[in-house]
All heavy atoms as atom14 arrays in JSON, in Angstrom:
{
  "sequence": "TTKNGSPVLFLIVVFLYAFPGVHSLILIFS",
  "atom14_mask": [
    [1, 1, 1, 1, 1, 1, 1, 0, 0, 0, 0, 0, 0, 0],
    [1, 1, 1, 1, 1, 1, 1, 0, 0, 0, 0, 0, 0, 0],
    [1, 1, 1, 1, 1, 1, 1, 1, 1, 0, 0, 0, 0, 0],
    [1, 1, 1, 1, 1, 1, 1, 1, 0, 0, 0, 0, 0, 0],
    [1, 1, 1, 1, 0, 0, 0, 0, 0, 0, 0, 0, 0, 0],
    [1, 1, 1, 1, 1, 1, 0, 0, 0, 0, 0, 0, 0, 0],
    [1, 1, 1, 1, 1, 1, 1, 0, 0, 0, 0, 0, 0, 0],
    [1, 1, 1, 1, 1, 1, 1, 0, 0, 0, 0, 0, 0, 0],
    [1, 1, 1, 1, 1, 1, 1, 1, 0, 0, 0, 0, 0, 0],
    [1, 1, 1, 1, 1, 1, 1, 1, 1, 1, 1, 0, 0, 0],
    [1, 1, 1, 1, 1, 1, 1, 1, 0, 0, 0, 0, 0, 0],
    [1, 1, 1, 1, 1, 1, 1, 1, 0, 0, 0, 0, 0, 0],
    [1, 1, 1, 1, 1, 1, 1, 0, 0, 0, 0, 0, 0, 0],
    [1, 1, 1, 1, 1, 1, 1, 0, 0, 0, 0, 0, 0, 0],
    [1, 1, 1, 1, 1, 1, 1, 1, 1, 1, 1, 0, 0, 0],
    [1, 1, 1, 1, 1, 1, 1, 1, 0, 0, 0, 0, 0, 0],
    [1, 1, 1, 1, 1, 1, 1, 1, 1, 1, 1, 1, 0, 0],
    [1, 1, 1, 1, 1, 0, 0, 0, 0, 0, 0, 0, 0, 0],
    [1, 1, 1, 1, 1, 1, 1, 1, 1, 1, 1, 0, 0, 0],
    [1, 1, 1, 1, 1, 1, 1, 0, 0, 0, 0, 0, 0, 0],
    [1, 1, 1, 1, 0, 0, 0, 0, 0, 0, 0, 0, 0, 0],
    [1, 1, 1, 1, 1, 1, 1, 0, 0, 0, 0, 0, 0, 0],
    [1, 1, 1, 1, 1, 1, 1, 1, 1, 1, 0, 0, 0, 0],
    [1, 1, 1, 1, 1, 1, 0, 0, 0, 0, 0, 0, 0, 0],
    [1, 1, 1, 1, 1, 1, 1, 1, 0, 0, 0, 0, 0, 0],
    [1, 1, 1, 1, 1, 1, 1, 1, 0, 0, 0, 0, 0, 0],
    [1, 1, 1, 1, 1, 1, 1, 1, 0, 0, 0, 0, 0, 0],
    [1, 1, 1, 1, 1, 1, 1, 1, 0, 0, 0, 0, 0, 0],
    [1, 1, 1, 1, 1, 1, 1, 1, 1, 1, 1, 0, 0, 0],
    [1, 1, 1, 1, 1, 1, 0, 0, 0, 0, 0, 0, 0, 0]
  ],
  "atom14_positions": [
    [[1.74, -67.71, -22.31], [2.95, -68.57, -22.13], [3.09, -69.58, -23.26], [4.13, -70.06, -23.57], [2.9, -69.24, -20.78], [4.21, -69.91, -20.57], [1.8, -70.28, -20.72], [0.0, 0.0, 0.0], [0.0, 0.0, 0.0], [0.0, 0.0, 0.0], [0.0, 0.0, 0.0], [0.0, 0.0, 0.0], [0.0, 0.0, 0.0], [0.0, 0.0, 0.0]],
    [[1.94, -70.01, -23.8], [1.99, -70.98, -24.87], [2.07, -70.37, -26.31], [2.1, -71.1, -27.32], [0.73, -71.91, -24.87], [-0.48, -71.1, -24.93], [0.69, -72.7, -23.59], [0.0, 0.0, 0.0], [0.0, 0.0, 0.0], [0.0, 0.0, 0.0], [0.0, 0.0, 0.0], [0.0, 0.0, 0.0], [0.0, 0.0, 0.0], [0.0, 0.0, 0.0]],
    [[2.14, -69.04, -26.37], [2.23, -68.35, -27.63], [3.66, -67.8, -27.84], [3.88, -66.61, -27.67], [1.19, -67.22, -27.72], [-0.26, -67.71, -27.54], [-1.27, -66.54, -27.54], [-2.68, -67.07, -27.41], [-3.67, -65.99, -27.39], [0.0, 0.0, 0.0], [0.0, 0.0, 0.0], [0.0, 0.0, 0.0], [0.0, 0.0, 0.0], [0.0, 0.0, 0.0]],
    [[4.58, -68.68, -28.09], [5.97, -68.27, -28.29], [6.13, -67.32, -29.52], [5.48, -67.58, -30.53], [6.83, -69.54, -28.47], [6.86, -70.41, -27.28], [6.77, -69.87, -26.14], [6.9, -71.74, -27.4], [0.0, 0.0, 0.0], [0.0, 0.0, 0.0], [0.0, 0.0, 0.0], [0.0, 0.0, 0.0], [0.0, 0.0, 0.0], [0.0, 0.0, 0.0]],
    [[7.0, -66.32, -29.32], [7.18, -65.41, -30.44], [6.2, -64.23, -30.46], [6.32, -63.34, -31.34], [0.0, 0.0, 0.0], [0.0, 0.0, 0.0], [0.0, 0.0, 0.0], [0.0, 0.0, 0.0], [0.0, 0.0, 0.0], [0.0, 0.0, 0.0], [0.0, 0.0, 0.0], [0.0, 0.0, 0.0], [0.0, 0.0, 0.0], [0.0, 0.0, 0.0]],
    [[5.24, -64.14, -29.52], [4.3, -63.11, -29.49], [4.94, -61.78, -29.05], [5.68, -61.81, -28.03], [3.14, -63.38, -28.57], [2.33, -62.33, -28.4], [0.0, 0.0, 0.0], [0.0, 0.0, 0.0], [0.0, 0.0, 0.0], [0.0, 0.0, 0.0], [0.0, 0.0, 0.0], [0.0, 0.0, 0.0], [0.0, 0.0, 0.0], [0.0, 0.0, 0.0]],
    [[4.74, -60.65, -29.72], [5.34, -59.39, -29.28], [4.84, -58.98, -27.86], [5.6, -58.42, -27.08], [4.86, -58.38, -30.31], [4.51, -59.2, -31.52], [3.99, -60.55, -31.02], [0.0, 0.0, 0.0], [0.0, 0.0, 0.0], [0.0, 0.0, 0.0], [0.0, 0.0, 0.0], [0.0, 0.0, 0.0], [0.0, 0.0, 0.0], [0.0, 0.0, 0.0]],
    [[3.63, -59.34, -27.56], [3.09, -59.01, -26.17], [3.83, -59.82, -25.1], [4.21, -59.25, -24.12], [1.5, -59.39, -26.11], [0.99, -59.06, -24.68], [0.78, -58.54, -27.16], [0.0, 0.0, 0.0], [0.0, 0.0, 0.0], [0.0, 0.0, 0.0], [0.0, 0.0, 0.0], [0.0, 0.0, 0.0], [0.0, 0.0, 0.0], [0.0, 0.0, 0.0]],
    [[4.08, -61.09, -25.43], [4.86, -61.89, -24.47], [6.28, -61.32, -24.31], [6.8, -61.32, -23.17], [4.95, -63.32, -24.94], [5.67, -64.33, -24.11], [5.03, -64.44, -22.71], [5.75, -65.71, -24.7], [0.0, 0.0, 0.0], [0.0, 0.0, 0.0], [0.0, 0.0, 0.0], [0.0, 0.0, 0.0], [0.0, 0.0, 0.0], [0.0, 0.0, 0.0]],
    [[6.86, -60.84, -25.38], [8.17, -60.31, -25.28], [8.25, -59.06, -24.39], [9.12, -58.85, -23.55], [8.7, -59.91, -26.63], [10.02, -59.13, -26.68], [11.21, -59.87, -26.4], [10.04, -57.79, -26.94], [12.38, -59.12, -26.37], [11.23, -57.13, -26.98], [12.42, -57.77, -26.62], [0.0, 0.0, 0.0], [0.0, 0.0, 0.0], [0.0, 0.0, 0.0]],
    [[7.21, -58.18, -24.59], [7.13, -56.92, -23.72], [6.95, -57.27, -22.28], [7.48, -56.68, -21.34], [6.02, -56.01, -24.24], [6.26, -55.39, -25.59], [5.0, -54.58, -26.07], [7.51, -54.49, -25.61], [0.0, 0.0, 0.0], [0.0, 0.0, 0.0], [0.0, 0.0, 0.0], [0.0, 0.0, 0.0], [0.0, 0.0, 0.0], [0.0, 0.0, 0.0]],
    [[6.08, -58.33, -22.05], [5.85, -58.78, -20.66], [7.1, -59.26, -20.0], [7.42, -58.9, -18.88], [4.77, -59.84, -20.66], [3.39, -59.26, -21.07], [4.65, -60.5, -19.28], [2.34, -60.3, -21.33], [0.0, 0.0, 0.0], [0.0, 0.0, 0.0], [0.0, 0.0, 0.0], [0.0, 0.0, 0.0], [0.0, 0.0, 0.0], [0.0, 0.0, 0.0]],
    [[7.85, -60.08, -20.76], [9.11, -60.67, -20.23], [10.08, -59.57, -19.98], [10.86, -59.63, -18.94], [9.64, -61.75, -21.19], [11.03, -62.19, -20.71], [8.69, -62.97, -21.26], [0.0, 0.0, 0.0], [0.0, 0.0, 0.0], [0.0, 0.0, 0.0], [0.0, 0.0, 0.0], [0.0, 0.0, 0.0], [0.0, 0.0, 0.0], [0.0, 0.0, 0.0]],
    [[10.17, -58.55, -20.84], [11.11, -57.45, -20.63], [10.86, -56.75, -19.36], [11.74, -56.38, -18.61], [11.03, -56.43, -21.86], [11.76, -55.16, -21.52], [11.71, -57.04, -23.06], [0.0, 0.0, 0.0], [0.0, 0.0, 0.0], [0.0, 0.0, 0.0], [0.0, 0.0, 0.0], [0.0, 0.0, 0.0], [0.0, 0.0, 0.0], [0.0, 0.0, 0.0]],
    [[9.58, -56.48, -19.06], [9.24, -55.84, -17.76], [9.55, -56.7, -16.56], [10.03, -56.22, -15.59], [7.76, -55.43, -17.72], [7.37, -54.74, -16.5], [7.66, -53.37, -16.28], [6.76, -55.46, -15.44], [7.28, -52.76, -15.06], [6.48, -54.83, -14.22], [6.73, -53.49, -14.08], [0.0, 0.0, 0.0], [0.0, 0.0, 0.0], [0.0, 0.0, 0.0]],
    [[9.21, -57.97, -16.7], [9.49, -58.9, -15.57], [10.96, -58.98, -15.28], [11.35, -59.2, -14.12], [8.95, -60.31, -15.96], [7.36, -60.43, -16.03], [7.0, -61.83, -16.43], [6.78, -60.11, -14.68], [0.0, 0.0, 0.0], [0.0, 0.0, 0.0], [0.0, 0.0, 0.0], [0.0, 0.0, 0.0], [0.0, 0.0, 0.0], [0.0, 0.0, 0.0]],
    [[11.83, -58.89, -16.29], [13.22, -58.86, -16.08], [13.63, -57.53, -15.4], [14.65, -57.55, -14.58], [14.01, -58.94, -17.42], [14.31, -60.39, -17.79], [13.3, -61.31, -18.31], [15.59, -60.91, -17.74], [13.58, -62.55, -18.65], [15.86, -62.26, -18.1], [14.86, -63.07, -18.55], [15.16, -64.32, -18.92], [0.0, 0.0, 0.0], [0.0, 0.0, 0.0]],
    [[13.01, -56.43, -15.71], [13.38, -55.17, -15.17], [12.98, -55.02, -13.7], [13.6, -54.34, -12.91], [12.79, -54.0, -16.04], [0.0, 0.0, 0.0], [0.0, 0.0, 0.0], [0.0, 0.0, 0.0], [0.0, 0.0, 0.0], [0.0, 0.0, 0.0], [0.0, 0.0, 0.0], [0.0, 0.0, 0.0], [0.0, 0.0, 0.0], [0.0, 0.0, 0.0]],
    [[11.89, -55.63, -13.34], [11.27, -55.46, -12.03], [12.2, -55.75, -10.85], [12.32, -54.89, -9.97], [9.97, -56.23, -11.86], [9.39, -56.28, -10.52], [8.72, -55.16, -10.0], [9.46, -57.45, -9.71], [8.23, -55.19, -8.71], [8.93, -57.45, -8.45], [8.28, -56.3, -7.91], [0.0, 0.0, 0.0], [0.0, 0.0, 0.0], [0.0, 0.0, 0.0]],
    [[12.85, -56.92, -10.86], [13.74, -57.23, -9.61], [14.87, -56.19, -9.5], [15.17, -55.85, -8.37], [14.27, -58.61, -9.92], [13.31, -59.2, -10.91], [12.83, -58.05, -11.74], [0.0, 0.0, 0.0], [0.0, 0.0, 0.0], [0.0, 0.0, 0.0], [0.0, 0.0, 0.0], [0.0, 0.0, 0.0], [0.0, 0.0, 0.0], [0.0, 0.0, 0.0]],
    [[15.43, -55.76, -10.59], [16.53, -54.8, -10.51], [16.09, -53.39, -10.12], [16.66, -52.73, -9.24], [0.0, 0.0, 0.0], [0.0, 0.0, 0.0], [0.0, 0.0, 0.0], [0.0, 0.0, 0.0], [0.0, 0.0, 0.0], [0.0, 0.0, 0.0], [0.0, 0.0, 0.0], [0.0, 0.0, 0.0], [0.0, 0.0, 0.0], [0.0, 0.0, 0.0]],
    [[14.98, -52.87, -10.76], [14.52, -51.57, -10.46], [13.99, -51.45, -9.02], [14.3, -50.44, -8.31], [13.38, -51.15, -11.49], [12.76, -49.87, -11.09], [13.96, -51.11, -12.89], [0.0, 0.0, 0.0], [0.0, 0.0, 0.0], [0.0, 0.0, 0.0], [0.0, 0.0, 0.0], [0.0, 0.0, 0.0], [0.0, 0.0, 0.0], [0.0, 0.0, 0.0]],
    [[13.18, -52.4, -8.59], [12.74, -52.35, -7.2], [13.85, -52.46, -6.21], [13.81, -51.76, -5.16], [11.7, -53.41, -6.95], [11.15, -53.37, -5.55], [11.33, -54.34, -4.58], [10.42, -52.41, -4.94], [10.77, -54.03, -3.46], [10.16, -52.84, -3.65], [0.0, 0.0, 0.0], [0.0, 0.0, 0.0], [0.0, 0.0, 0.0], [0.0, 0.0, 0.0]],
    [[14.81, -53.27, -6.43], [15.98, -53.34, -5.57], [16.77, -52.1, -5.52], [17.3, -51.67, -4.46], [16.91, -54.48, -6.05], [16.34, -55.77, -5.89], [0.0, 0.0, 0.0], [0.0, 0.0, 0.0], [0.0, 0.0, 0.0], [0.0, 0.0, 0.0], [0.0, 0.0, 0.0], [0.0, 0.0, 0.0], [0.0, 0.0, 0.0], [0.0, 0.0, 0.0]],
    [[16.81, -51.33, -6.63], [17.44, -50.03, -6.65], [16.68, -49.03, -5.79], [17.28, -48.16, -5.07], [17.52, -49.54, -8.13], [18.47, -48.35, -8.39], [19.9, -48.73, -8.07], [18.39, -47.92, -9.8], [0.0, 0.0, 0.0], [0.0, 0.0, 0.0], [0.0, 0.0, 0.0], [0.0, 0.0, 0.0], [0.0, 0.0, 0.0], [0.0, 0.0, 0.0]],
    [[15.34, -49.07, -5.87], [14.5, -48.23, -4.99], [14.78, -48.54, -3.54], [14.83, -47.63, -2.69], [13.01, -48.42, -5.35], [12.74, -47.88, -6.73], [12.15, -47.74, -4.29], [11.33, -48.14, -7.2], [0.0, 0.0, 0.0], [0.0, 0.0, 0.0], [0.0, 0.0, 0.0], [0.0, 0.0, 0.0], [0.0, 0.0, 0.0], [0.0, 0.0, 0.0]],
    [[14.88, -49.87, -3.24], [15.17, -50.21, -1.79], [16.55, -49.7, -1.36], [16.65, -49.32, -0.17], [15.14, -51.81, -1.7], [13.77, -52.48, -1.83], [13.94, -53.97, -1.76], [12.79, -51.94, -0.8], [0.0, 0.0, 0.0], [0.0, 0.0, 0.0], [0.0, 0.0, 0.0], [0.0, 0.0, 0.0], [0.0, 0.0, 0.0], [0.0, 0.0, 0.0]],
    [[17.52, -49.67, -2.24], [18.78, -49.16, -1.87], [18.71, -47.64, -1.51], [19.34, -47.26, -0.49], [19.83, -49.32, -3.06], [20.18, -50.81, -3.26], [21.08, -48.5, -2.84], [21.01, -51.1, -4.45], [0.0, 0.0, 0.0], [0.0, 0.0, 0.0], [0.0, 0.0, 0.0], [0.0, 0.0, 0.0], [0.0, 0.0, 0.0], [0.0, 0.0, 0.0]],
    [[18.0, -46.87, -2.31], [17.89, -45.44, -2.05], [16.89, -45.09, -0.94], [16.91, -43.91, -0.48], [17.52, -44.69, -3.34], [18.66, -44.57, -4.32], [18.6, -45.38, -5.42], [19.73, -43.75, -4.12], [19.68, -45.31, -6.36], [20.73, -43.65, -5.0], [20.74, -44.39, -6.15], [0.0, 0.0, 0.0], [0.0, 0.0, 0.0], [0.0, 0.0, 0.0]],
    [[16.15, -46.09, -0.49], [15.27, -45.89, 0.72], [15.92, -46.37, 1.99], [15.36, -46.2, 3.06], [13.96, -46.57, 0.47], [14.15, -47.97, 0.39], [0.0, 0.0, 0.0], [0.0, 0.0, 0.0], [0.0, 0.0, 0.0], [0.0, 0.0, 0.0], [0.0, 0.0, 0.0], [0.0, 0.0, 0.0], [0.0, 0.0, 0.0], [0.0, 0.0, 0.0]]
  ]
}
């Protein structure tokens, strides 16, 4: 979190953004 601009941090944030939407989509189809 204190290493701004890190590619690893960017990939982590991308997944964290995807998680709420993707899991909610799974809940819809279940």
